[in-house]
Amino acid sequence: MDITTIIFKVFLSVILSAFIGIEREIRQKVADLRTHILVGVGSTLIVLTSLFVFEAYKEVTIVDPTRMITGITTGIGFLCAGTIIRAGNHVSGLTSAATLWIVSGVGIAVGAGDYVSAITVSIVVFVVLIGMRSVERMLSEKFKDKDIL
């Protein structure tokens, strides 16, 4: 892989991760813009490293580049669990945990070269984060005092 492609992938990962993380920053969440960018870029780096190791050693031994990607999924699970806080019946941090998980997937897609999926998912997530707040408020007001069971 040439240096231009690597630089492109890293900067695309920064842009897409920031696109999702900016909403968390505006809402002043603990998992903010920087956290989202770091998770996305870290995931991209691990995929790039995995592909590099595969190319470097494919003639020497059996190398499975997807094993490092599996490690990302496991590691992000622990990071996301740390963003979820439960106090009595109230749980907070679920959306931040979900966006961190998604940003890691975006980073994986970018590192693997699946730009269309990475860009599409980033746009959809941003629209959901911004657009669904008004829908949630409307539903909450409509059903606030009603017994739905």
N, C-alpha and C. Protein backbone atom coordinates (compact mmCIF):
# COMPACT_ATOMS: atom_id res chain seq x y z
N MET A 1 0.86 -1.17 0.00
CA MET A 1 0.00 0.00 0.00
C MET A 1 0.90 1.23 0.00
N ASP A 2 0.60 2.17 -0.87
CA ASP A 2 1.45 3.35 -0.96
C ASP A 2 1.10 4.39 0.12
N ILE A 3 2.00 5.30 0.34
CA ILE A 3 1.85 6.29 1.42
C ILE A 3 0.66 7.21 1.20
N THR A 4 0.36 7.52 -0.05
CA THR A 4 -0.79 8.38 -0.33
C THR A 4 -2.09 7.72 0.11
N THR A 5 -2.23 6.44 -0.14
CA THR A 5 -3.43 5.71 0.27
C THR A 5 -3.53 5.66 1.80
N ILE A 6 -2.42 5.43 2.46
CA ILE A 6 -2.42 5.39 3.92
C ILE A 6 -2.84 6.74 4.50
N ILE A 7 -2.26 7.80 3.99
CA ILE A 7 -2.59 9.15 4.47
C ILE A 7 -4.07 9.46 4.19
N PHE A 8 -4.54 9.09 3.01
CA PHE A 8 -5.95 9.30 2.68
C PHE A 8 -6.86 8.57 3.67
N LYS A 9 -6.54 7.31 3.96
CA LYS A 9 -7.37 6.52 4.86
C LYS A 9 -7.39 7.12 6.27
N VAL A 10 -6.24 7.54 6.75
CA VAL A 10 -6.17 8.11 8.10
C VAL A 10 -6.98 9.40 8.16
N PHE A 11 -6.82 10.28 7.19
CA PHE A 11 -7.56 11.55 7.22
C PHE A 11 -9.05 11.36 6.97
N LEU A 12 -9.42 10.40 6.13
CA LEU A 12 -10.85 10.12 5.95
C LEU A 12 -11.44 9.59 7.26
N SER A 13 -10.69 8.77 7.96
CA SER A 13 -11.14 8.26 9.25
C SER A 13 -11.33 9.41 10.25
N VAL A 14 -10.41 10.36 10.26
CA VAL A 14 -10.54 11.53 11.13
C VAL A 14 -11.81 12.31 10.80
N ILE A 15 -12.03 12.56 9.53
CA ILE A 15 -13.18 13.36 9.09
C ILE A 15 -14.50 12.66 9.45
N LEU A 16 -14.61 11.38 9.13
CA LEU A 16 -15.86 10.66 9.40
C LEU A 16 -16.11 10.49 10.90
N SER A 17 -15.06 10.21 11.65
CA SER A 17 -15.20 10.07 13.10
C SER A 17 -15.59 11.41 13.73
N ALA A 18 -15.01 12.48 13.24
CA ALA A 18 -15.34 13.82 13.73
C ALA A 18 -16.77 14.17 13.38
N PHE A 19 -17.22 13.75 12.23
CA PHE A 19 -18.59 14.02 11.78
C PHE A 19 -19.60 13.45 12.77
N ILE A 20 -19.30 12.27 13.29
CA ILE A 20 -20.16 11.65 14.29
C ILE A 20 -19.89 12.25 15.67
N GLY A 21 -18.63 12.45 16.01
CA GLY A 21 -18.26 12.94 17.33
C GLY A 21 -18.66 14.38 17.59
N ILE A 22 -18.85 15.17 16.55
CA ILE A 22 -19.20 16.58 16.74
C ILE A 22 -20.54 16.72 17.46
N GLU A 23 -21.47 15.84 17.18
CA GLU A 23 -22.77 15.90 17.85
C GLU A 23 -22.61 15.61 19.34
N ARG A 24 -21.76 14.66 19.69
CA ARG A 24 -21.51 14.34 21.09
C ARG A 24 -20.82 15.52 21.79
N GLU A 25 -19.96 16.20 21.06
CA GLU A 25 -19.27 17.38 21.60
C GLU A 25 -20.27 18.51 21.86
N ILE A 26 -21.14 18.76 20.89
CA ILE A 26 -22.15 19.82 21.04
C ILE A 26 -23.04 19.53 22.25
N ARG A 27 -23.37 18.28 22.47
CA ARG A 27 -24.23 17.89 23.60
C ARG A 27 -23.44 17.77 24.90
N GLN A 28 -22.13 18.04 24.83
CA GLN A 28 -21.23 18.02 25.99
C GLN A 28 -21.22 16.67 26.70
N LYS A 29 -21.09 15.63 25.91
CA LYS A 29 -21.01 14.27 26.46
C LYS A 29 -19.56 13.94 26.80
N VAL A 30 -19.37 13.00 27.71
CA VAL A 30 -18.02 12.62 28.12
C VAL A 30 -17.24 12.03 26.94
N ALA A 31 -17.87 11.17 26.17
CA ALA A 31 -17.25 10.64 24.95
C ALA A 31 -17.42 11.70 23.88
N ASP A 32 -16.44 12.58 23.77
CA ASP A 32 -16.57 13.77 22.95
C ASP A 32 -15.91 13.63 21.58
N LEU A 33 -15.70 14.74 20.94
CA LEU A 33 -15.11 14.78 19.60
C LEU A 33 -13.75 14.07 19.55
N ARG A 34 -12.87 14.42 20.47
CA ARG A 34 -11.53 13.82 20.46
C ARG A 34 -11.60 12.30 20.66
N THR A 35 -12.45 11.86 21.57
CA THR A 35 -12.58 10.42 21.83
C THR A 35 -13.03 9.69 20.58
N HIS A 36 -14.01 10.25 19.88
CA HIS A 36 -14.51 9.61 18.66
C HIS A 36 -13.43 9.57 17.58
N ILE A 37 -12.70 10.66 17.42
CA ILE A 37 -11.62 10.67 16.42
C ILE A 37 -10.56 9.63 16.77
N LEU A 38 -10.17 9.57 18.03
CA LEU A 38 -9.13 8.62 18.43
C LEU A 38 -9.57 7.17 18.23
N VAL A 39 -10.82 6.87 18.54
CA VAL A 39 -11.33 5.51 18.33
C VAL A 39 -11.34 5.17 16.83
N GLY A 40 -11.82 6.09 16.01
CA GLY A 40 -11.86 5.85 14.56
C GLY A 40 -10.48 5.67 13.96
N VAL A 41 -9.56 6.56 14.31
CA VAL A 41 -8.20 6.49 13.77
C VAL A 41 -7.47 5.25 14.30
N GLY A 42 -7.69 4.93 15.57
CA GLY A 42 -7.07 3.73 16.13
C GLY A 42 -7.54 2.47 15.42
N SER A 43 -8.83 2.40 15.12
CA SER A 43 -9.37 1.25 14.39
C SER A 43 -8.78 1.17 12.99
N THR A 44 -8.67 2.32 12.34
CA THR A 44 -8.06 2.36 11.00
C THR A 44 -6.61 1.88 11.05
N LEU A 45 -5.87 2.36 12.05
CA LEU A 45 -4.47 1.96 12.20
C LEU A 45 -4.34 0.45 12.38
N ILE A 46 -5.18 -0.12 13.20
CA ILE A 46 -5.09 -1.57 13.44
C ILE A 46 -5.38 -2.36 12.16
N VAL A 47 -6.37 -1.91 11.38
CA VAL A 47 -6.66 -2.58 10.11
C VAL A 47 -5.48 -2.42 9.14
N LEU A 48 -4.93 -1.22 9.05
CA LEU A 48 -3.78 -1.00 8.17
C LEU A 48 -2.59 -1.87 8.59
N THR A 49 -2.36 -1.95 9.89
CA THR A 49 -1.27 -2.78 10.40
C THR A 49 -1.53 -4.25 10.10
N SER A 50 -2.76 -4.66 10.26
CA SER A 50 -3.13 -6.05 9.98
C SER A 50 -2.88 -6.39 8.51
N LEU A 51 -3.27 -5.48 7.63
CA LEU A 51 -3.03 -5.71 6.20
C LEU A 51 -1.54 -5.70 5.87
N PHE A 52 -0.78 -4.84 6.54
CA PHE A 52 0.67 -4.80 6.34
C PHE A 52 1.31 -6.11 6.78
N VAL A 53 0.93 -6.59 7.95
CA VAL A 53 1.47 -7.85 8.47
C VAL A 53 1.11 -9.01 7.53
N PHE A 54 -0.12 -9.01 7.03
CA PHE A 54 -0.54 -10.05 6.10
C PHE A 54 0.35 -10.05 4.85
N GLU A 55 0.56 -8.87 4.28
CA GLU A 55 1.40 -8.77 3.07
C GLU A 55 2.84 -9.16 3.35
N ALA A 56 3.36 -8.73 4.49
CA ALA A 56 4.76 -8.98 4.81
C ALA A 56 5.06 -10.45 5.07
N TYR A 57 4.09 -11.18 5.62
CA TYR A 57 4.35 -12.54 6.06
C TYR A 57 3.55 -13.62 5.35
N LYS A 58 2.81 -13.26 4.31
CA LYS A 58 1.94 -14.26 3.66
C LYS A 58 2.73 -15.39 3.02
N GLU A 59 3.98 -15.16 2.64
CA GLU A 59 4.81 -16.21 2.05
C GLU A 59 5.53 -17.04 3.11
N VAL A 60 5.55 -16.54 4.34
CA VAL A 60 6.30 -17.19 5.41
C VAL A 60 5.42 -18.11 6.25
N THR A 61 4.21 -17.63 6.57
CA THR A 61 3.32 -18.39 7.44
C THR A 61 1.88 -18.02 7.13
N ILE A 62 0.96 -18.74 7.72
CA ILE A 62 -0.46 -18.43 7.54
C ILE A 62 -0.80 -17.25 8.45
N VAL A 63 -1.30 -16.20 7.86
CA VAL A 63 -1.67 -15.00 8.61
C VAL A 63 -3.11 -14.65 8.27
N ASP A 64 -3.90 -14.44 9.31
CA ASP A 64 -5.30 -14.06 9.13
C ASP A 64 -5.47 -12.59 9.53
N PRO A 65 -5.63 -11.69 8.55
CA PRO A 65 -5.72 -10.27 8.88
C PRO A 65 -6.98 -9.90 9.67
N THR A 66 -7.97 -10.76 9.67
CA THR A 66 -9.20 -10.42 10.39
C THR A 66 -9.07 -10.63 11.90
N ARG A 67 -8.05 -11.33 12.35
CA ARG A 67 -7.89 -11.57 13.79
C ARG A 67 -7.65 -10.27 14.55
N MET A 68 -6.90 -9.35 13.99
CA MET A 68 -6.66 -8.07 14.66
C MET A 68 -7.95 -7.24 14.68
N ILE A 69 -8.75 -7.37 13.64
CA ILE A 69 -10.03 -6.64 13.59
C ILE A 69 -10.95 -7.16 14.69
N THR A 70 -10.93 -8.45 14.95
CA THR A 70 -11.71 -9.01 16.04
C THR A 70 -11.29 -8.40 17.38
N GLY A 71 -10.00 -8.15 17.53
CA GLY A 71 -9.50 -7.52 18.74
C GLY A 71 -10.05 -6.12 18.93
N ILE A 72 -10.25 -5.39 17.83
CA ILE A 72 -10.85 -4.06 17.91
C ILE A 72 -12.23 -4.16 18.53
N THR A 73 -13.02 -5.09 18.03
CA THR A 73 -14.39 -5.25 18.49
C THR A 73 -14.43 -5.55 19.99
N THR A 74 -13.56 -6.41 20.44
CA THR A 74 -13.50 -6.75 21.86
C THR A 74 -13.07 -5.55 22.69
N GLY A 75 -12.01 -4.89 22.26
CA GLY A 75 -11.50 -3.74 23.00
C GLY A 75 -12.49 -2.59 23.07
N ILE A 76 -13.17 -2.32 21.98
CA ILE A 76 -14.16 -1.25 21.96
C ILE A 76 -15.32 -1.60 22.88
N GLY A 77 -15.65 -2.86 22.98
CA GLY A 77 -16.71 -3.28 23.90
C GLY A 77 -16.40 -2.86 25.33
N PHE A 78 -15.15 -3.03 25.76
CA PHE A 78 -14.75 -2.61 27.10
C PHE A 78 -14.78 -1.09 27.24
N LEU A 79 -14.32 -0.39 26.23
CA LEU A 79 -14.35 1.07 26.26
C LEU A 79 -15.79 1.58 26.35
N CYS A 80 -16.66 1.01 25.55
CA CYS A 80 -18.07 1.41 25.55
C CYS A 80 -18.73 1.11 26.88
N ALA A 81 -18.41 -0.02 27.47
CA ALA A 81 -18.99 -0.36 28.77
C ALA A 81 -18.62 0.68 29.81
N GLY A 82 -17.45 1.25 29.69
CA GLY A 82 -17.02 2.28 30.62
C GLY A 82 -17.75 3.60 30.47
N THR A 83 -18.41 3.81 29.34
CA THR A 83 -19.15 5.06 29.15
C THR A 83 -20.58 4.98 29.65
N ILE A 84 -21.03 3.78 30.00
CA ILE A 84 -22.41 3.59 30.44
C ILE A 84 -22.45 3.67 31.97
N ILE A 85 -23.31 4.54 32.46
CA ILE A 85 -23.44 4.74 33.90
C ILE A 85 -24.88 4.45 34.31
N ARG A 86 -25.03 3.66 35.37
CA ARG A 86 -26.37 3.35 35.89
C ARG A 86 -26.49 3.93 37.29
N ALA A 87 -27.54 4.71 37.49
CA ALA A 87 -27.84 5.28 38.81
C ALA A 87 -29.31 5.02 39.08
N GLY A 88 -29.58 4.00 39.88
CA GLY A 88 -30.97 3.63 40.14
C GLY A 88 -31.62 3.11 38.87
N ASN A 89 -32.75 3.70 38.53
CA ASN A 89 -33.46 3.32 37.30
C ASN A 89 -32.98 4.08 36.08
N HIS A 90 -32.06 5.01 36.28
CA HIS A 90 -31.59 5.85 35.18
C HIS A 90 -30.27 5.30 34.61
N VAL A 91 -30.22 5.17 33.31
CA VAL A 91 -29.01 4.73 32.62
C VAL A 91 -28.60 5.82 31.66
N SER A 92 -27.33 6.22 31.71
CA SER A 92 -26.86 7.22 30.77
C SER A 92 -25.59 6.72 30.08
N GLY A 93 -25.32 7.27 28.93
CA GLY A 93 -24.13 6.90 28.18
C GLY A 93 -24.35 5.87 27.09
N LEU A 94 -25.56 5.38 26.94
CA LEU A 94 -25.80 4.35 25.92
C LEU A 94 -25.57 4.87 24.50
N THR A 95 -26.03 6.08 24.24
CA THR A 95 -25.85 6.63 22.89
C THR A 95 -24.37 6.88 22.62
N SER A 96 -23.65 7.40 23.60
CA SER A 96 -22.21 7.60 23.42
C SER A 96 -21.50 6.28 23.20
N ALA A 97 -21.88 5.26 23.94
CA ALA A 97 -21.28 3.94 23.75
C ALA A 97 -21.57 3.41 22.34
N ALA A 98 -22.81 3.60 21.90
CA ALA A 98 -23.19 3.15 20.55
C ALA A 98 -22.41 3.90 19.47
N THR A 99 -22.24 5.21 19.65
CA THR A 99 -21.51 5.97 18.63
C THR A 99 -20.03 5.60 18.61
N LEU A 100 -19.46 5.30 19.78
CA LEU A 100 -18.06 4.85 19.80
C LEU A 100 -17.92 3.51 19.07
N TRP A 101 -18.89 2.62 19.29
CA TRP A 101 -18.87 1.32 18.62
C TRP A 101 -18.97 1.51 17.09
N ILE A 102 -19.87 2.40 16.69
CA ILE A 102 -20.05 2.66 15.26
C ILE A 102 -18.80 3.31 14.67
N VAL A 103 -18.20 4.26 15.38
CA VAL A 103 -16.99 4.92 14.89
C VAL A 103 -15.86 3.90 14.71
N SER A 104 -15.78 2.92 15.60
CA SER A 104 -14.76 1.89 15.41
C SER A 104 -15.03 1.11 14.13
N GLY A 105 -16.31 0.84 13.86
CA GLY A 105 -16.68 0.16 12.60
C GLY A 105 -16.36 1.00 11.39
N VAL A 106 -16.59 2.29 11.49
CA VAL A 106 -16.25 3.21 10.39
C VAL A 106 -14.74 3.18 10.16
N GLY A 107 -13.97 3.22 11.24
CA GLY A 107 -12.51 3.14 11.11
C GLY A 107 -12.06 1.84 10.48
N ILE A 108 -12.70 0.75 10.84
CA ILE A 108 -12.39 -0.55 10.24
C ILE A 108 -12.69 -0.52 8.74
N ALA A 109 -13.86 0.00 8.38
CA ALA A 109 -14.26 0.06 6.97
C ALA A 109 -13.29 0.92 6.16
N VAL A 110 -12.91 2.07 6.72
CA VAL A 110 -11.96 2.94 6.01
C VAL A 110 -10.62 2.23 5.84
N GLY A 111 -10.13 1.62 6.92
CA GLY A 111 -8.85 0.91 6.83
C GLY A 111 -8.87 -0.21 5.80
N ALA A 112 -10.03 -0.86 5.67
CA ALA A 112 -10.17 -1.96 4.70
C ALA A 112 -10.46 -1.46 3.28
N GLY A 113 -10.72 -0.14 3.15
CA GLY A 113 -10.98 0.42 1.83
C GLY A 113 -12.44 0.44 1.42
N ASP A 114 -13.34 0.17 2.34
CA ASP A 114 -14.77 0.18 2.05
C ASP A 114 -15.32 1.58 2.33
N TYR A 115 -14.95 2.52 1.47
CA TYR A 115 -15.28 3.93 1.67
C TYR A 115 -16.77 4.22 1.57
N VAL A 116 -17.45 3.56 0.66
CA VAL A 116 -18.89 3.81 0.48
C VAL A 116 -19.65 3.47 1.75
N SER A 117 -19.38 2.32 2.34
CA SER A 117 -20.05 1.94 3.58
C SER A 117 -19.71 2.92 4.71
N ALA A 118 -18.44 3.27 4.83
CA ALA A 118 -18.01 4.17 5.91
C ALA A 118 -18.68 5.53 5.80
N ILE A 119 -18.73 6.08 4.61
CA ILE A 119 -19.34 7.40 4.41
C ILE A 119 -20.85 7.32 4.61
N THR A 120 -21.48 6.30 4.05
CA THR A 120 -22.94 6.15 4.19
C THR A 120 -23.34 6.00 5.65
N VAL A 121 -22.66 5.14 6.38
CA VAL A 121 -22.98 4.93 7.79
C VAL A 121 -22.76 6.22 8.59
N SER A 122 -21.70 6.93 8.31
CA SER A 122 -21.43 8.19 9.03
C SER A 122 -22.55 9.20 8.82
N ILE A 123 -23.01 9.31 7.60
CA ILE A 123 -24.11 10.24 7.30
C ILE A 123 -25.38 9.80 8.01
N VAL A 124 -25.71 8.51 7.93
CA VAL A 124 -26.92 8.00 8.57
C VAL A 124 -26.87 8.22 10.08
N VAL A 125 -25.74 7.93 10.70
CA VAL A 125 -25.60 8.10 12.15
C VAL A 125 -25.76 9.57 12.53
N PHE A 126 -25.15 10.46 11.78
CA PHE A 126 -25.27 11.89 12.06
C PHE A 126 -26.73 12.34 11.96
N VAL A 127 -27.41 11.90 10.93
CA VAL A 127 -28.84 12.25 10.76
C VAL A 127 -29.66 11.70 11.92
N VAL A 128 -29.39 10.47 12.33
CA VAL A 128 -30.12 9.88 13.46
C VAL A 128 -29.84 10.68 14.74
N LEU A 129 -28.59 11.01 15.00
CA LEU A 129 -28.25 11.74 16.22
C LEU A 129 -28.91 13.12 16.26
N ILE A 130 -28.93 13.80 15.14
CA ILE A 130 -29.50 15.15 15.08
C ILE A 130 -31.02 15.10 14.92
N GLY A 131 -31.50 14.30 13.99
CA GLY A 131 -32.92 14.32 13.63
C GLY A 131 -33.85 13.60 14.58
N MET A 132 -33.36 12.57 15.22
CA MET A 132 -34.26 11.77 16.06
C MET A 132 -34.56 12.41 17.41
N ARG A 133 -33.80 13.42 17.81
CA ARG A 133 -34.07 14.09 19.09
C ARG A 133 -35.47 14.71 19.10
N SER A 134 -35.83 15.35 17.99
CA SER A 134 -37.16 15.97 17.94
C SER A 134 -38.26 14.90 17.91
N VAL A 135 -38.01 13.79 17.24
CA VAL A 135 -38.98 12.70 17.23
C VAL A 135 -39.14 12.11 18.63
N GLU A 136 -38.03 11.92 19.33
CA GLU A 136 -38.08 11.40 20.70
C GLU A 136 -38.87 12.34 21.61
N ARG A 137 -38.62 13.64 21.50
CA ARG A 137 -39.35 14.62 22.32
C ARG A 137 -40.84 14.56 22.04
N MET A 138 -41.19 14.49 20.75
CA MET A 138 -42.61 14.45 20.37
C MET A 138 -43.28 13.19 20.95
N LEU A 139 -42.64 12.05 20.81
CA LEU A 139 -43.19 10.80 21.33
C LEU A 139 -43.28 10.83 22.85
N SER A 140 -42.27 11.38 23.48
CA SER A 140 -42.27 11.48 24.94
C SER A 140 -43.42 12.33 25.43
N GLU A 141 -43.66 13.45 24.78
CA GLU A 141 -44.78 14.32 25.16
C GLU A 141 -46.12 13.64 24.91
N LYS A 142 -46.22 12.96 23.80
CA LYS A 142 -47.48 12.32 23.42
C LYS A 142 -47.86 11.19 24.37
N PHE A 143 -46.86 10.40 24.81
CA PHE A 143 -47.13 9.22 25.62
C PHE A 143 -46.67 9.36 27.07
N LYS A 144 -46.31 10.55 27.49
CA LYS A 144 -45.73 10.76 28.82
C LYS A 144 -46.63 10.23 29.95
N ASP A 145 -47.87 10.56 29.95
CA ASP A 145 -48.74 10.20 31.06
C ASP A 145 -49.68 9.05 30.72
N LYS A 146 -49.43 8.36 29.65
CA LYS A 146 -50.33 7.28 29.22
C LYS A 146 -49.73 5.93 29.58
N ASP A 147 -50.59 5.03 29.97
CA ASP A 147 -50.19 3.67 30.26
C ASP A 147 -50.26 2.87 28.96
N ILE A 148 -49.07 2.53 28.41
CA ILE A 148 -49.06 1.85 27.10
C ILE A 148 -49.12 0.33 27.22
N LEU A 149 -49.08 -0.20 28.40
CA LEU A 149 -49.13 -1.66 28.53
C LEU A 149 -50.50 -2.11 28.74
